[in-house]
Protein backbone atom coordinates (compact mmCIF):
# COMPACT_ATOMS: atom_id res chain seq x y z
CA MET A 1 23.35 19.36 23.70
CA SER A 2 24.28 16.12 21.96
CA ILE A 3 22.38 14.62 19.03
CA TRP A 4 24.62 11.59 18.63
CA ARG A 5 23.19 9.45 21.40
CA THR A 6 23.03 5.74 20.71
CA LYS A 7 19.98 5.43 22.98
CA PRO A 8 16.88 7.63 23.17
CA ARG A 9 16.72 10.32 25.81
CA LYS A 10 15.13 9.23 29.04
CA PRO A 11 11.88 11.25 28.78
CA ALA A 12 11.30 9.97 25.25
CA ALA A 13 11.92 6.39 26.31
CA VAL A 14 9.47 6.66 29.21
CA ASN A 15 6.79 8.25 27.05
CA SER A 16 7.24 5.62 24.38
CA GLY A 17 7.00 2.83 26.90
CA LYS A 18 3.58 3.93 28.10
CA ARG A 19 2.00 3.70 24.68
CA LYS A 20 4.07 0.96 23.03
CA ASN A 21 1.73 -1.45 21.22
CA ALA A 22 -1.20 -0.11 23.27
CA PRO A 23 -4.42 -1.06 21.45
CA LEU A 24 -6.97 1.61 20.69
CA SER A 25 -10.01 1.92 22.91
CA SER A 26 -13.55 1.58 21.61
CA SER A 27 -14.34 4.92 23.26
CA LEU A 28 -13.79 7.97 21.07
CA ASP A 29 -13.24 10.25 24.05
CA GLU A 30 -10.64 7.90 25.57
CA ASN A 31 -8.67 7.70 22.31
CA VAL A 32 -8.75 11.47 21.87
CA LYS A 33 -7.59 11.94 25.46
CA GLN A 34 -4.61 9.62 24.96
CA VAL A 35 -3.58 11.35 21.76
CA SER A 36 -3.82 14.76 23.39
CA GLU A 37 -1.69 13.64 26.34
CA CYS A 38 0.95 12.13 24.07
CA PHE A 39 1.34 15.50 22.33
CA GLY A 40 1.30 17.43 25.60
CA LYS A 41 -2.01 19.08 24.63
CA SER A 42 -0.22 20.99 21.87
CA PRO A 43 -2.33 23.70 20.21
CA ASP A 44 -1.41 22.50 16.71
CA LEU A 45 -3.14 19.16 17.37
CA ILE A 46 -6.61 19.73 15.88
CA ILE A 47 -9.58 17.53 16.84
CA ARG A 48 -12.84 17.91 14.92
CA TYR A 49 -16.09 16.15 15.94
CA PHE A 50 -19.05 15.46 13.68
CA GLN A 51 -21.88 12.97 13.25
CA MET A 52 -22.69 10.78 10.26
CA MET A 53 -26.09 11.46 8.74
CA HIS A 54 -28.95 9.11 9.75
CA SER A 55 -26.77 6.85 11.87
CA GLN A 56 -25.94 9.62 14.44
CA VAL A 57 -22.63 7.95 15.25
CA ARG A 58 -19.97 10.31 16.65
CA VAL A 59 -16.82 10.56 14.58
CA GLY A 60 -13.60 12.41 15.36
CA ALA A 61 -11.06 13.71 12.81
CA VAL A 62 -7.59 14.29 14.28
CA TYR A 63 -4.70 15.96 12.46
CA ILE A 64 -1.73 18.24 13.06
CA GLU A 65 -2.04 21.75 11.71
CA GLY A 66 0.77 22.90 9.43
CA ILE A 67 1.83 19.55 8.00
CA THR A 68 -1.56 18.66 6.49
CA ASP A 69 -3.54 19.99 3.55
CA LYS A 70 -6.39 21.87 5.20
CA ALA A 71 -8.46 22.08 1.99
CA VAL A 72 -8.48 18.29 1.64
CA ILE A 73 -9.54 17.87 5.27
CA GLU A 74 -12.38 20.39 4.99
CA ASP A 75 -13.58 18.74 1.79
CA PHE A 76 -13.59 15.31 3.46
CA ILE A 77 -15.49 16.45 6.55
CA GLY A 78 -18.15 18.22 4.49
CA HIS A 79 -18.40 15.22 2.19
CA ALA A 80 -18.69 12.76 5.08
CA MET A 81 -21.39 14.75 6.87
CA SER A 82 -23.62 15.12 3.83
CA PHE A 83 -22.93 11.94 1.89
CA GLU A 84 -25.84 9.72 0.90
CA GLY A 85 -25.29 6.90 -1.52
CA SER A 86 -26.06 3.32 -2.22
CA GLY A 87 -25.27 1.09 0.68
CA TYR A 88 -25.33 3.89 3.28
CA PRO A 89 -25.86 2.22 6.68
CA SER A 90 -28.95 3.63 8.34
CA ALA A 91 -28.46 1.71 11.55
CA PRO A 92 -25.70 2.76 14.01
CA ASP A 93 -23.46 -0.22 13.08
CA VAL A 94 -19.93 1.12 13.61
CA ILE A 95 -18.27 -1.69 11.65
CA LYS A 96 -20.47 -1.06 8.61
CA ILE A 97 -19.88 2.69 8.94
CA ASN A 98 -16.13 2.12 9.13
CA ASN A 99 -16.10 -0.06 6.00
CA TYR A 100 -18.44 2.29 4.18
CA MET A 101 -16.22 5.30 4.88
CA LYS A 102 -13.12 3.45 3.65
CA GLU A 103 -14.80 2.27 0.47
CA LYS A 104 -17.14 5.12 -0.50
CA VAL A 105 -16.48 8.33 1.42
CA LEU A 106 -12.69 8.59 1.74
CA GLU A 107 -11.09 9.86 -1.45
CA MET A 108 -7.69 10.90 -0.07
CA GLY A 109 -5.76 7.82 -1.18
CA LYS A 110 -3.43 5.57 0.82
CA GLU A 111 -6.12 4.77 3.39
CA LYS A 112 -5.03 2.27 6.01
CA ALA A 113 -6.45 0.71 9.13
CA ILE A 114 -4.78 1.63 12.43
CA GLN A 115 -4.99 -0.80 15.34
CA ASP A 116 -2.76 0.70 18.08
CA MET A 117 -1.66 4.03 19.50
CA ASP A 118 1.84 3.85 17.99
CA GLY A 119 0.40 3.52 14.50
CA LEU A 120 -1.98 6.39 15.16
CA LEU A 121 0.79 8.73 16.34
CA GLU A 122 3.04 7.79 13.45
CA ALA A 123 0.22 8.51 10.99
CA LEU A 124 -0.40 11.93 12.55
CA LEU A 125 3.29 12.86 12.45
CA SER A 126 3.43 11.81 8.80
CA GLY A 127 0.80 14.40 7.90
CA ASN A 128 -2.17 12.04 7.81
CA MET A 129 -5.64 12.71 9.13
CA VAL A 130 -6.92 9.98 11.45
CA ILE A 131 -10.63 9.12 11.63
CA LEU A 132 -11.86 7.73 14.98
CA ILE A 133 -15.37 6.25 15.23
CA ASP A 134 -17.05 6.02 18.63
CA GLY A 135 -17.61 2.39 19.58
CA LEU A 136 -14.84 1.01 17.34
CA ASN A 137 -11.36 0.07 18.58
CA GLN A 138 -9.59 0.90 15.33
CA ALA A 139 -9.03 4.02 13.24
CA ILE A 140 -8.60 5.01 9.59
CA GLY A 141 -5.60 6.98 8.38
CA GLY A 142 -5.82 8.98 5.17
CA ASP A 143 -3.00 10.76 3.35
CA THR A 144 -3.53 14.51 3.76
CA SER A 145 0.11 15.58 3.90
CA GLY A 146 0.69 19.14 2.76
CA GLY A 147 1.07 22.49 4.44
CA GLU A 148 3.31 25.40 3.56
CA VAL A 149 6.55 24.30 1.87
CA ARG A 150 9.22 25.99 -0.19
CA ALA A 151 8.38 26.08 -3.87
CA ILE A 152 10.61 24.42 -6.44
CA SER A 153 13.33 26.87 -7.46
CA GLU A 154 16.77 26.96 -9.03
CA ALA A 155 19.66 25.27 -7.21
CA ALA A 156 21.56 27.70 -4.99
CA THR A 157 24.83 25.80 -4.59
CA GLN A 158 25.06 24.16 -8.02
CA ILE A 159 24.26 26.79 -10.59
CA SER A 160 22.73 25.50 -13.82
CA ILE A 161 24.44 27.03 -16.85
CA ARG A 162 22.62 24.80 -19.30
CA GLY A 163 19.91 22.29 -18.57
CA SER A 164 17.13 22.03 -16.03
CA LYS A 165 16.67 24.88 -13.58
CA GLU A 166 14.70 22.65 -11.22
CA ALA A 167 16.16 21.85 -7.80
CA PHE A 168 15.13 19.60 -4.95
CA THR A 169 13.06 20.91 -2.04
CA GLU A 170 12.74 19.84 1.57
CA ARG A 171 9.92 17.35 0.86
CA ILE A 172 11.12 13.84 0.13
CA GLY A 173 8.03 12.97 -1.91
CA THR A 174 8.56 15.94 -4.22
CA ASN A 175 12.23 15.04 -4.66
CA ILE A 176 11.51 11.41 -5.55
CA ALA A 177 8.85 12.52 -8.04
CA ALA A 178 11.35 14.91 -9.68
CA VAL A 179 13.66 11.98 -10.45
CA ARG A 180 10.80 9.74 -11.61
CA ARG A 181 9.81 12.37 -14.17
CA ARG A 182 13.26 11.98 -15.71
CA ILE A 183 13.54 8.19 -15.54
CA LYS A 184 10.21 6.81 -16.71
CA ASN A 185 11.09 3.20 -16.08
CA PRO A 186 9.52 0.65 -13.71
CA ASP A 187 13.04 -0.56 -12.86
CA LEU A 188 13.56 2.62 -10.84
CA TRP A 189 13.01 1.20 -7.37
CA VAL A 190 12.59 3.07 -4.08
CA GLU A 191 12.89 1.67 -0.56
CA THR A 192 11.97 3.70 2.52
CA LEU A 193 12.80 3.47 6.20
CA THR A 194 12.57 5.66 9.28
CA LEU A 195 15.67 6.79 11.21
CA GLY A 196 16.10 8.76 14.42
CA SER A 197 14.39 7.54 17.58
CA VAL A 198 13.11 11.06 18.33
CA THR A 199 12.84 12.83 14.96
CA ARG A 200 11.48 9.76 13.07
CA THR A 201 12.96 11.05 9.80
CA GLU A 202 11.93 9.36 6.57
CA VAL A 203 14.84 8.14 4.45
CA ALA A 204 14.61 6.61 0.97
CA ILE A 205 17.04 4.57 -1.13
CA MET A 206 16.67 4.86 -4.91
CA TYR A 207 18.39 2.80 -7.58
CA VAL A 208 17.79 1.34 -11.03
CA HIS A 209 17.18 -2.38 -10.68
CA GLY A 210 19.35 -4.32 -13.09
CA ILE A 211 22.01 -1.60 -13.32
CA ALA A 212 22.96 -1.01 -9.69
CA ASN A 213 25.10 -3.65 -8.02
CA GLU A 214 23.07 -5.77 -5.59
CA ASN A 215 25.97 -6.06 -3.13
CA MET A 216 26.23 -2.28 -2.94
CA ILE A 217 22.49 -1.94 -2.41
CA GLN A 218 22.60 -4.46 0.42
CA GLU A 219 25.58 -2.68 1.97
CA VAL A 220 23.68 0.62 1.97
CA ARG A 221 20.66 -1.10 3.55
CA THR A 222 22.84 -2.63 6.27
CA LYS A 223 24.62 0.63 7.05
CA LEU A 224 21.33 2.56 7.32
CA ASN A 225 19.69 -0.10 9.49
CA ASN A 226 22.66 0.05 11.86
CA ILE A 227 22.15 3.76 12.56
CA HIS A 228 20.84 4.29 16.11
CA VAL A 229 20.72 7.98 17.00
CA ASP A 230 18.14 10.38 18.38
CA SER A 231 17.90 12.66 15.38
CA ILE A 232 18.50 12.85 11.66
CA LEU A 233 18.02 16.47 10.63
CA GLU A 234 19.98 16.57 7.36
CA SER A 235 21.57 14.21 4.86
CA GLY A 236 24.97 15.20 6.26
CA TYR A 237 24.16 13.12 9.35
CA ILE A 238 23.66 10.05 7.15
CA GLU A 239 26.87 10.78 5.25
CA GLN A 240 28.96 10.92 8.43
CA LEU A 241 27.38 7.81 9.91
CA ILE A 242 27.72 5.45 6.94
CA GLU A 243 30.95 6.57 5.26
CA GLU A 244 33.73 4.02 5.42
CA ASN A 245 36.67 6.40 5.97
CA LYS A 246 35.58 8.69 8.78
CA ASN A 247 39.10 10.13 9.41
CA SER A 248 39.83 11.01 5.80
CA PRO A 249 39.75 14.67 4.76
CA PHE A 250 38.31 13.63 1.39
CA PRO A 251 34.53 13.14 1.01
CA THR A 252 33.54 9.64 -0.05
CA MET A 253 29.90 10.49 -0.79
CA TYR A 254 28.67 12.99 -3.34
CA ASN A 255 25.75 15.32 -2.59
CA THR A 256 23.66 17.32 -5.02
CA GLU A 257 20.42 19.29 -5.11
CA ARG A 258 19.81 18.81 -8.84
CA PRO A 259 17.42 16.08 -10.06
CA ASP A 260 19.17 15.74 -13.44
CA SER A 261 22.46 14.99 -11.67
CA VAL A 262 20.82 12.28 -9.57
CA ALA A 263 19.14 10.78 -12.64
CA GLY A 264 22.42 10.64 -14.53
CA ASN A 265 24.23 8.96 -11.65
CA LEU A 266 21.43 6.41 -11.18
CA LEU A 267 21.80 5.42 -14.82
CA GLU A 268 25.49 4.80 -14.14
CA GLY A 269 24.61 2.23 -11.49
CA ARG A 270 24.94 4.41 -8.42
CA ILE A 271 22.58 4.61 -5.44
CA ALA A 272 20.81 7.76 -4.22
CA VAL A 273 19.81 8.38 -0.59
CA PHE A 274 16.99 10.88 0.03
CA VAL A 275 16.36 12.40 3.47
CA ASP A 276 13.16 14.21 4.36
CA GLY A 277 13.73 17.83 5.35
CA THR A 278 16.72 18.60 3.13
CA PRO A 279 17.17 19.32 -0.60
CA PHE A 280 20.57 17.58 -0.70
CA VAL A 281 20.60 13.99 -1.96
CA LEU A 282 23.53 11.65 -1.32
CA ILE A 283 25.04 9.55 -4.12
CA ALA A 284 27.27 6.50 -3.70
CA PRO A 285 29.62 4.96 -4.68
CA THR A 286 31.81 7.96 -5.38
CA THR A 287 35.14 8.40 -7.11
CA PHE A 288 37.59 11.28 -6.78
CA PHE A 289 37.03 12.54 -10.33
CA MET A 290 33.25 12.76 -9.83
CA PHE A 291 33.78 15.91 -7.77
CA PHE A 292 35.33 17.67 -10.77
CA HIS A 293 32.63 16.71 -13.26
CA THR A 294 29.37 18.59 -13.69
CA VAL A 295 26.14 17.60 -15.35
CA GLU A 296 26.64 20.42 -17.89
CA ASP A 297 29.67 18.54 -19.21
CA TYR A 298 27.23 16.23 -21.00
CA TYR A 299 24.97 18.99 -22.30
CA GLN A 300 27.72 20.72 -24.29
CA ARG A 301 30.06 19.65 -27.09
CA TYR A 302 32.69 17.16 -26.03
CA ASP A 303 35.64 19.38 -27.04
CA VAL A 304 34.44 22.31 -24.93
CA SER A 305 33.64 20.04 -21.98
CA SER A 306 37.05 18.39 -22.18
CA LEU A 307 38.81 21.76 -22.17
CA ILE A 308 36.83 22.92 -19.14
CA ARG A 309 37.61 19.69 -17.30
CA MET A 310 41.32 20.14 -17.90
CA LEU A 311 41.01 23.72 -16.66
CA ARG A 312 39.39 22.49 -13.44
CA LEU A 313 42.22 20.04 -12.84
CA ILE A 314 44.81 22.78 -13.40
CA CYS A 315 42.93 24.96 -10.90
CA LEU A 316 42.93 22.01 -8.48
CA PHE A 317 46.73 21.91 -8.68
CA ILE A 318 46.98 25.69 -8.17
CA SER A 319 44.59 25.77 -5.21
CA LEU A 320 46.34 22.82 -3.54
CA PHE A 321 50.00 23.70 -4.16
CA GLY A 322 50.07 27.39 -5.18
CA PRO A 323 51.06 29.09 -1.89
CA ALA A 324 53.24 26.12 -0.90
CA LEU A 325 55.30 26.35 -4.11
CA PHE A 326 55.65 30.11 -3.68
CA VAL A 327 56.89 29.69 -0.10
CA ALA A 328 59.27 26.87 -1.05
CA ALA A 329 60.76 28.79 -3.99
CA LEU A 330 61.41 31.99 -2.02
CA THR A 331 62.64 30.22 1.11
CA PHE A 332 64.76 27.28 -0.15
CA HIS A 333 65.01 27.30 -3.93
CA GLN A 334 65.82 30.84 -5.06
CA GLU A 335 68.03 29.40 -7.83
CA MET A 336 64.88 28.17 -9.59
CA ILE A 337 63.56 31.74 -9.98
CA PRO A 338 64.87 33.84 -12.90
CA THR A 339 67.27 36.52 -11.65
CA PRO A 340 65.22 39.59 -12.74
CA LEU A 341 62.12 38.15 -11.11
CA LEU A 342 64.06 37.23 -7.95
CA ILE A 343 65.42 40.78 -7.69
CA ASN A 344 61.88 42.09 -8.11
CA PHE A 345 60.61 39.81 -5.32
CA ALA A 346 63.49 40.85 -3.05
CA SER A 347 62.76 44.56 -3.58
CA GLN A 348 59.07 44.00 -2.77
CA ARG A 349 59.91 42.18 0.44
CA GLU A 350 62.44 44.77 1.57
CA GLY A 351 60.16 46.29 4.20
CA VAL A 352 58.14 43.15 5.07
CA PRO A 353 58.94 42.14 8.68
CA PHE A 354 57.70 38.51 8.43
CA PRO A 355 59.19 35.40 6.84
CA THR A 356 57.57 34.21 3.62
CA PHE A 357 55.66 31.42 5.38
CA VAL A 358 54.17 33.75 8.02
CA GLU A 359 53.29 36.22 5.30
CA ALA A 360 51.50 33.53 3.28
CA LEU A 361 49.76 32.19 6.36
CA LEU A 362 48.44 35.65 7.31
CA MET A 363 47.09 36.22 3.81
CA GLU A 364 45.48 32.77 3.60
CA VAL A 365 43.78 33.12 6.99
CA THR A 366 42.55 36.60 6.05
CA PHE A 367 41.19 35.30 2.75
CA GLU A 368 39.36 32.45 4.52
CA ILE A 369 37.82 34.91 7.00
CA ILE A 370 36.56 37.11 4.18
CA ARG A 371 35.19 34.12 2.27
CA GLU A 372 33.38 32.71 5.31
CA ALA A 373 31.92 36.13 6.16
CA GLY A 374 30.68 36.52 2.60
CA ILE A 375 28.98 33.11 2.67
CA ARG A 376 27.19 33.62 6.00
CA MET A 377 25.89 37.12 5.29
CA PRO A 378 22.89 37.90 3.03
CA SER A 379 23.77 37.60 -0.64
CA PRO A 380 23.95 41.31 -1.64
CA ILE A 381 25.92 42.23 1.48
CA GLY A 382 28.07 39.10 1.30
CA GLN A 383 29.25 39.88 -2.24
CA THR A 384 30.08 43.43 -1.22
CA VAL A 385 32.05 42.27 1.81
CA SER A 386 34.00 39.74 -0.27
CA ILE A 387 34.95 42.18 -3.03
CA ILE A 388 35.55 45.34 -1.01
CA GLY A 389 37.13 43.44 1.89
CA GLY A 390 39.60 41.70 -0.39
CA LEU A 391 40.56 44.87 -2.27
CA VAL A 392 40.77 47.15 0.75
CA LEU A 393 42.60 44.71 3.02
CA GLY A 394 44.99 43.59 0.30
CA GLN A 395 45.87 47.12 -0.74
CA ALA A 396 46.15 48.33 2.86
CA ALA A 397 48.36 45.36 3.81
CA VAL A 398 50.74 46.13 0.92
CA GLN A 399 50.91 49.84 1.74
CA ALA A 400 51.52 49.05 5.42
CA GLY A 401 54.43 46.80 4.50
CA ILE A 402 52.89 43.71 6.10
CA VAL A 403 52.83 41.63 2.89
CA SER A 404 54.35 41.94 -0.55
CA PRO A 405 52.31 42.50 -3.73
CA ALA A 406 53.49 39.18 -5.15
CA MET A 407 52.09 37.32 -2.13
CA VAL A 408 48.71 39.05 -2.57
CA ILE A 409 48.65 37.90 -6.20
CA ALA A 410 49.61 34.32 -5.29
CA VAL A 411 46.99 34.02 -2.56
CA SER A 412 44.28 35.67 -4.67
CA LEU A 413 44.96 33.35 -7.61
CA THR A 414 44.82 30.37 -5.25
CA GLY A 415 41.50 31.49 -3.77
CA ILE A 416 39.93 32.11 -7.17
CA SER A 417 41.13 28.71 -8.41
CA SER A 418 39.48 26.97 -5.47
CA PHE A 419 36.09 28.33 -6.60
CA THR A 420 36.30 26.31 -9.81
CA THR A 421 35.81 23.03 -7.90
CA PRO A 422 32.12 22.17 -8.55
CA ALA A 423 31.62 20.20 -5.31
CA TYR A 424 31.66 22.34 -2.17
CA ASN A 425 32.69 19.51 0.17
CA MET A 426 35.71 18.69 -2.00
CA ALA A 427 36.64 22.39 -2.11
CA LEU A 428 36.63 22.40 1.71
CA SER A 429 39.05 19.45 1.75
CA ILE A 430 41.39 21.23 -0.65
CA ARG A 431 41.36 24.34 1.54
CA LEU A 432 42.39 22.24 4.54
CA LEU A 433 45.16 20.41 2.71
CA ARG A 434 46.54 23.67 1.33
CA PHE A 435 47.60 24.70 4.83
CA ILE A 436 49.30 21.33 5.39
CA ASN A 437 51.28 21.80 2.17
CA MET A 438 52.31 25.28 3.27
CA PHE A 439 53.70 23.93 6.56
CA ALA A 440 55.60 21.19 4.70
CA ALA A 441 57.04 23.72 2.23
CA ALA A 442 58.12 26.06 5.04
CA PHE A 443 60.18 23.33 6.73
CA MET A 444 61.49 21.20 3.83
CA GLY A 445 60.83 23.14 0.64
CA LEU A 446 60.00 21.17 -2.49
CA TYR A 447 61.04 17.97 -0.71
CA GLY A 448 58.25 18.55 1.81
CA ILE A 449 55.74 19.16 -0.98
CA ALA A 450 56.87 15.97 -2.73
CA ILE A 451 56.55 13.94 0.49
CA MET A 452 53.06 15.31 1.16
CA SER A 453 52.05 14.60 -2.44
CA LEU A 454 53.10 10.98 -2.04
CA ILE A 455 51.19 10.71 1.24
CA PHE A 456 48.04 12.21 -0.33
CA THR A 457 48.30 9.92 -3.35
CA ALA A 458 48.78 6.80 -1.22
CA HIS A 459 45.86 7.83 0.99
CA LEU A 460 43.59 8.45 -2.01
CA CYS A 461 44.47 5.06 -3.48
CA SER A 462 43.59 3.36 -0.18
CA LEU A 463 40.09 4.85 0.03
CA ARG A 464 36.94 2.94 -0.91
CA SER A 465 33.36 4.02 -1.44
CA LEU A 466 31.01 1.04 -1.07
CA GLY A 467 33.94 -1.13 -2.10
CA THR A 468 34.72 0.91 -5.22
CA PRO A 469 38.32 2.23 -5.46
CA TYR A 470 38.23 5.98 -4.86
CA MET A 471 40.79 6.74 -7.59
CA SER A 472 39.08 4.56 -10.19
CA PRO A 473 39.61 4.42 -13.15
CA ILE A 474 43.20 5.62 -12.64
CA ALA A 475 44.07 3.27 -9.79
CA PRO A 476 43.27 0.58 -10.75
CA PHE A 477 43.87 1.69 -14.32
CA ILE A 478 40.96 0.84 -16.62
CA PRO A 479 41.78 1.80 -20.24
CA GLU A 480 38.20 1.78 -21.53
CA ASP A 481 37.10 4.21 -18.82
CA GLN A 482 39.65 6.90 -19.67
CA LYS A 483 37.28 8.40 -22.23
CA ASP A 484 35.26 10.09 -19.48
CA THR A 485 37.81 10.95 -16.79
CA PHE A 486 40.18 13.75 -17.77
CA ILE A 487 38.39 14.42 -21.03
CA ARG A 488 34.85 13.72 -22.20
CA SER A 489 34.45 11.70 -25.35
CA PRO A 490 31.48 12.14 -27.71
CA LEU A 491 28.24 10.72 -26.33
CA ASN A 492 28.01 7.93 -28.89
CA PHE A 493 31.22 6.47 -27.39
CA LEU A 494 29.79 6.54 -23.86
CA ASN A 495 26.67 4.42 -24.44
CA ARG A 496 27.44 0.99 -22.99
CA THR A 497 24.15 -0.11 -21.44
CA GLY A 498 22.84 -1.73 -24.60
CA GLY A 499 19.48 0.01 -24.27
CA LYS A 500 18.85 -1.11 -20.68
CA GLY A 501 17.98 1.86 -18.49
CA GLY A 502 18.99 4.49 -21.02
CA GLU A 503 22.29 5.92 -22.13
CA THR A 504 25.04 6.25 -19.55
CA LYS A 505 27.11 9.38 -19.37
CA SER A 506 30.25 8.11 -17.70
CA GLY A 507 32.60 5.25 -18.30
CA GLU A 508 32.99 4.80 -14.56
CA GLY A 509 29.49 3.35 -14.27
CA LYS A 510 30.42 0.05 -15.89
CA HIS A 511 33.27 -0.63 -13.51
CA GLU A 512 31.33 0.37 -10.41
CA SER A 513 28.31 -1.73 -11.32
């Protein structure tokens, strides 16, 4: 089953063609019949009939169960049936009743007039209740969106050590409100659009007007408007469809489920893309060093944050080149290893039947299997599988003479180092490139590692994210931005907005804006 169609599926296209721009009928029963047929007479489509007091005009309330707030609907229906106030039309004038309900009876907010069947269906699918009055060829839509949703909880993939414990949910309105509570500024602008010809997924663009670059905002708008697919089920679909370097192993868009991270990046001039149905928000433009910074870096003292950043970069080097350097040293460059240590390695490998590269490859593949199994299983069981599986398999492999103890240590240190990368999508890229480095080291030793390092560096320098150099502020080198790249300077040195939009937390924001 493919979700990447550039045209709608045939049944959807036929169904849409029958009702496209079809005006509503003045008959309540005819309108209800059309709506019911469009939804295939689904049981979750609820139709309630009642009569207005005195006028005896039939009114129908239509909504979809599960995505609406039932308490609000019940309150409205009871209020409408018993309401008597100044200006209540006693005669059965449907136009007066319609206007009276919009002005006096409806208290849901965001009421709008609906003229055609497409607008009616879109309102229902957005969680609205639609009011149909017999004898009137238009309807009223009121915002009653609600239903059972996941409560706000702590982020699962980006653990908060210090700071807010609040994370995004699957409701786009809740997520946008979470950011607005942190940036109380009218310059925080939001634009919405609908993507996916079948799913009709709501997508929102958020940025701080006056800080974000207008060319970047327009580029994001253009890229989103050029998306023509059947379905958008997660923000990862948007990321893959609008990224500029689709064949690169490195991610060029950052994703987070923490509102404080989004707020901080917006104040740096970046743009956030919200997608209904997922707690992960996309941020662009992105630089390589963003993936090794965390929001906690700005909540702690600058000296501690700088030390932790340097530790992450050291772990990046270990996770990317650790096994490759071990294979290269034992295979081609034994003279670089101290003699006592080399003798120790040789004695450990005495009964190992595989070359060093095959040995490292077996251990790396085994480690990846254990890690993937631990992620996919329930949390308590997954942790047990990861710990016990690693200990038991590692010890058993050494006792069986399949691998050497030194190789187990090297692969374990590499795996642990990869967990220090804060961004999961960047950690995945490093895991992939580690295998490429191992192949290069097995065939050409340190020369192969050097060649691959040059290729990676050249590729990174060629990448762009919304026109921003991916390796900024290193390539191109921007001296004033070095105070928040490898180390984090005190906060009073990072404020460069002059009071507009709040205090920035990264020197990269000035260049990218």
